[in-house]
C-alpha cells in the first residue's frame, strides 16, 4: 500500500537540503534491487532520481559534468 513519506537529502557537494517524496512501494522495489529506479519511481524527475542515487543535486551535477 502506498504511504506518503519524505526523504531529506543534503547534496554532498553544495550541502543544500532537498526533499523528495517517492512512492513507498516503488522506493522499496528499487532499494531491494527488484527494479531500476526509472521504472520503480517514474513519478520523480530525473534530477530527483539522481539525487537519490548519488546524493548530487542537479546544479552540482551540471557543474561536475558540463555539456560539451
N, C-alpha and C. Protein backbone atom coordinates (compact mmCIF):
# COMPACT_ATOMS: atom_id res chain seq x y z
N UNK A 1 0.84 -1.18 0.00
CA UNK A 1 0.00 0.00 0.00
C UNK A 1 0.89 1.25 0.00
N UNK A 2 0.52 2.22 -0.81
CA UNK A 2 1.28 3.47 -0.92
C UNK A 2 1.15 4.29 0.36
N UNK A 3 2.28 4.73 0.86
CA UNK A 3 2.30 5.61 2.02
C UNK A 3 3.15 6.82 1.68
N UNK A 4 2.66 7.98 2.06
CA UNK A 4 3.43 9.20 1.84
C UNK A 4 4.59 9.27 2.81
N UNK A 5 5.75 9.59 2.30
CA UNK A 5 6.89 9.88 3.16
C UNK A 5 7.85 10.77 2.39
N UNK A 6 8.68 11.45 3.12
CA UNK A 6 9.62 12.39 2.52
C UNK A 6 11.03 12.00 2.92
N UNK A 7 11.92 12.03 1.94
CA UNK A 7 13.33 11.79 2.19
C UNK A 7 14.03 13.13 2.11
N UNK A 8 14.78 13.47 3.13
CA UNK A 8 15.56 14.70 3.12
C UNK A 8 17.01 14.36 2.82
N UNK A 9 17.55 15.02 1.81
CA UNK A 9 18.91 14.74 1.35
C UNK A 9 19.67 16.05 1.23
N UNK A 10 20.87 16.09 1.75
CA UNK A 10 21.76 17.22 1.53
C UNK A 10 22.73 16.81 0.43
N UNK A 11 22.84 17.65 -0.59
CA UNK A 11 23.80 17.39 -1.66
C UNK A 11 25.19 17.29 -1.05
N UNK A 12 25.93 16.29 -1.44
CA UNK A 12 27.26 16.07 -0.86
C UNK A 12 28.23 17.19 -1.22
N UNK A 13 27.96 17.90 -2.33
CA UNK A 13 28.91 18.91 -2.80
C UNK A 13 28.59 20.31 -2.27
N UNK A 14 27.34 20.75 -2.42
CA UNK A 14 26.98 22.11 -2.01
C UNK A 14 26.28 22.15 -0.64
N UNK A 15 25.90 20.99 -0.15
CA UNK A 15 25.25 20.83 1.16
C UNK A 15 23.85 21.45 1.23
N UNK A 16 23.28 21.80 0.08
CA UNK A 16 21.91 22.31 0.06
C UNK A 16 20.94 21.18 0.41
N UNK A 17 19.93 21.47 1.22
CA UNK A 17 18.95 20.43 1.56
C UNK A 17 17.88 20.30 0.47
N UNK A 18 17.48 19.09 0.22
CA UNK A 18 16.42 18.79 -0.75
C UNK A 18 15.47 17.79 -0.13
N UNK A 19 14.22 17.85 -0.58
CA UNK A 19 13.20 16.89 -0.13
C UNK A 19 12.63 16.19 -1.35
N UNK A 20 12.52 14.88 -1.24
CA UNK A 20 11.97 14.06 -2.31
C UNK A 20 10.86 13.22 -1.71
N UNK A 21 9.72 13.13 -2.41
CA UNK A 21 8.58 12.34 -1.94
C UNK A 21 8.33 11.18 -2.90
N UNK A 22 9.03 10.07 -2.70
CA UNK A 22 8.84 8.92 -3.59
C UNK A 22 7.63 8.08 -3.18
N UNK A 23 7.15 7.30 -4.12
CA UNK A 23 6.14 6.30 -3.86
C UNK A 23 6.80 5.22 -3.00
N UNK A 24 6.21 4.89 -1.87
CA UNK A 24 6.87 3.96 -0.95
C UNK A 24 7.04 2.56 -1.55
N UNK A 25 6.07 2.10 -2.34
CA UNK A 25 6.20 0.77 -2.94
C UNK A 25 7.31 0.75 -3.98
N UNK A 26 7.36 1.77 -4.82
CA UNK A 26 8.42 1.86 -5.82
C UNK A 26 9.78 2.03 -5.18
N UNK A 27 9.84 2.82 -4.13
CA UNK A 27 11.10 3.03 -3.42
C UNK A 27 11.61 1.71 -2.85
N UNK A 28 10.72 0.93 -2.25
CA UNK A 28 11.10 -0.37 -1.69
C UNK A 28 11.59 -1.31 -2.79
N UNK A 29 10.93 -1.30 -3.95
CA UNK A 29 11.37 -2.14 -5.07
C UNK A 29 12.79 -1.77 -5.49
N UNK A 30 13.05 -0.47 -5.61
CA UNK A 30 14.37 -0.01 -6.02
C UNK A 30 15.43 -0.37 -4.98
N UNK A 31 15.16 -0.15 -3.72
CA UNK A 31 16.11 -0.45 -2.64
C UNK A 31 16.44 -1.94 -2.61
N UNK A 32 15.43 -2.78 -2.83
CA UNK A 32 15.65 -4.24 -2.83
C UNK A 32 16.41 -4.70 -4.07
N UNK A 33 16.47 -3.85 -5.10
CA UNK A 33 17.12 -4.23 -6.34
C UNK A 33 16.19 -4.96 -7.29
N UNK A 34 14.88 -4.85 -7.05
CA UNK A 34 13.91 -5.53 -7.90
C UNK A 34 13.56 -4.74 -9.15
N UNK A 35 13.93 -3.46 -9.20
CA UNK A 35 13.60 -2.63 -10.36
C UNK A 35 14.63 -1.51 -10.49
N UNK A 36 14.82 -1.06 -11.72
CA UNK A 36 15.64 0.12 -11.95
C UNK A 36 14.89 1.34 -11.41
N UNK A 37 15.63 2.34 -10.98
CA UNK A 37 14.99 3.49 -10.35
C UNK A 37 14.00 4.18 -11.28
N UNK A 38 14.30 4.28 -12.58
CA UNK A 38 13.39 4.94 -13.50
C UNK A 38 12.11 4.16 -13.70
N UNK A 39 12.17 2.84 -13.50
CA UNK A 39 10.98 2.02 -13.61
C UNK A 39 10.19 2.02 -12.29
N UNK A 40 10.90 2.02 -11.17
CA UNK A 40 10.25 1.97 -9.86
C UNK A 40 9.66 3.31 -9.46
N UNK A 41 10.29 4.41 -9.89
CA UNK A 41 9.86 5.75 -9.46
C UNK A 41 9.69 6.69 -10.65
N UNK A 42 8.81 6.36 -11.59
CA UNK A 42 8.65 7.20 -12.79
C UNK A 42 8.04 8.57 -12.48
N UNK A 43 7.40 8.71 -11.32
CA UNK A 43 6.78 9.98 -10.96
C UNK A 43 7.81 11.04 -10.55
N UNK A 44 9.03 10.61 -10.24
CA UNK A 44 10.09 11.55 -9.89
C UNK A 44 10.79 12.04 -11.15
N UNK A 45 11.33 13.23 -11.07
CA UNK A 45 12.11 13.75 -12.20
C UNK A 45 13.46 13.03 -12.24
N UNK A 46 14.13 13.14 -13.37
CA UNK A 46 15.46 12.55 -13.48
C UNK A 46 16.40 13.17 -12.45
N UNK A 47 16.24 14.47 -12.18
CA UNK A 47 17.07 15.14 -11.19
C UNK A 47 16.84 14.58 -9.79
N UNK A 48 15.58 14.31 -9.46
CA UNK A 48 15.27 13.74 -8.14
C UNK A 48 15.82 12.32 -8.02
N UNK A 49 15.71 11.55 -9.08
CA UNK A 49 16.25 10.18 -9.03
C UNK A 49 17.75 10.20 -8.88
N UNK A 50 18.43 11.11 -9.57
CA UNK A 50 19.89 11.22 -9.44
C UNK A 50 20.26 11.61 -8.01
N UNK A 51 19.50 12.49 -7.42
CA UNK A 51 19.75 12.89 -6.04
C UNK A 51 19.65 11.69 -5.10
N UNK A 52 18.67 10.82 -5.32
CA UNK A 52 18.54 9.61 -4.51
C UNK A 52 19.71 8.67 -4.73
N UNK A 53 20.14 8.52 -5.98
CA UNK A 53 21.19 7.56 -6.29
C UNK A 53 22.57 8.02 -5.85
N UNK A 54 22.90 9.28 -6.14
CA UNK A 54 24.28 9.73 -5.92
C UNK A 54 24.43 10.81 -4.85
N UNK A 55 23.30 11.38 -4.42
CA UNK A 55 23.38 12.47 -3.45
C UNK A 55 23.85 13.77 -4.07
N UNK A 56 23.73 13.87 -5.41
CA UNK A 56 24.19 15.06 -6.12
C UNK A 56 23.01 15.81 -6.69
N UNK A 57 22.89 17.11 -6.36
CA UNK A 57 21.79 17.91 -6.90
C UNK A 57 22.07 18.24 -8.36
N UNK A 58 21.05 18.70 -9.06
CA UNK A 58 21.17 18.98 -10.49
C UNK A 58 22.20 20.07 -10.77
N UNK A 59 22.21 21.13 -9.97
CA UNK A 59 23.16 22.22 -10.18
C UNK A 59 24.60 21.72 -10.07
N UNK A 60 24.88 20.92 -9.06
CA UNK A 60 26.23 20.40 -8.88
C UNK A 60 26.57 19.37 -9.95
N UNK A 61 25.60 18.54 -10.33
CA UNK A 61 25.83 17.56 -11.40
C UNK A 61 26.26 18.27 -12.68
N UNK A 62 25.54 19.35 -13.01
CA UNK A 62 25.87 20.09 -14.23
C UNK A 62 27.23 20.80 -14.12
N UNK A 63 27.61 21.19 -12.92
CA UNK A 63 28.93 21.81 -12.73
C UNK A 63 30.04 20.76 -12.86
N UNK A 64 29.77 19.56 -12.38
CA UNK A 64 30.77 18.49 -12.45
C UNK A 64 30.87 17.90 -13.86
N UNK A 65 29.75 17.84 -14.57
CA UNK A 65 29.70 17.23 -15.91
C UNK A 65 29.04 18.18 -16.89
N UNK A 66 29.69 19.28 -17.25
CA UNK A 66 29.10 20.25 -18.18
C UNK A 66 28.95 19.63 -19.57
N UNK A 67 27.92 20.11 -20.28
CA UNK A 67 27.74 19.66 -21.66
C UNK A 67 28.88 20.21 -22.51
N UNK A 68 29.34 19.41 -23.43
CA UNK A 68 30.46 19.84 -24.28
C UNK A 68 30.01 20.67 -25.44
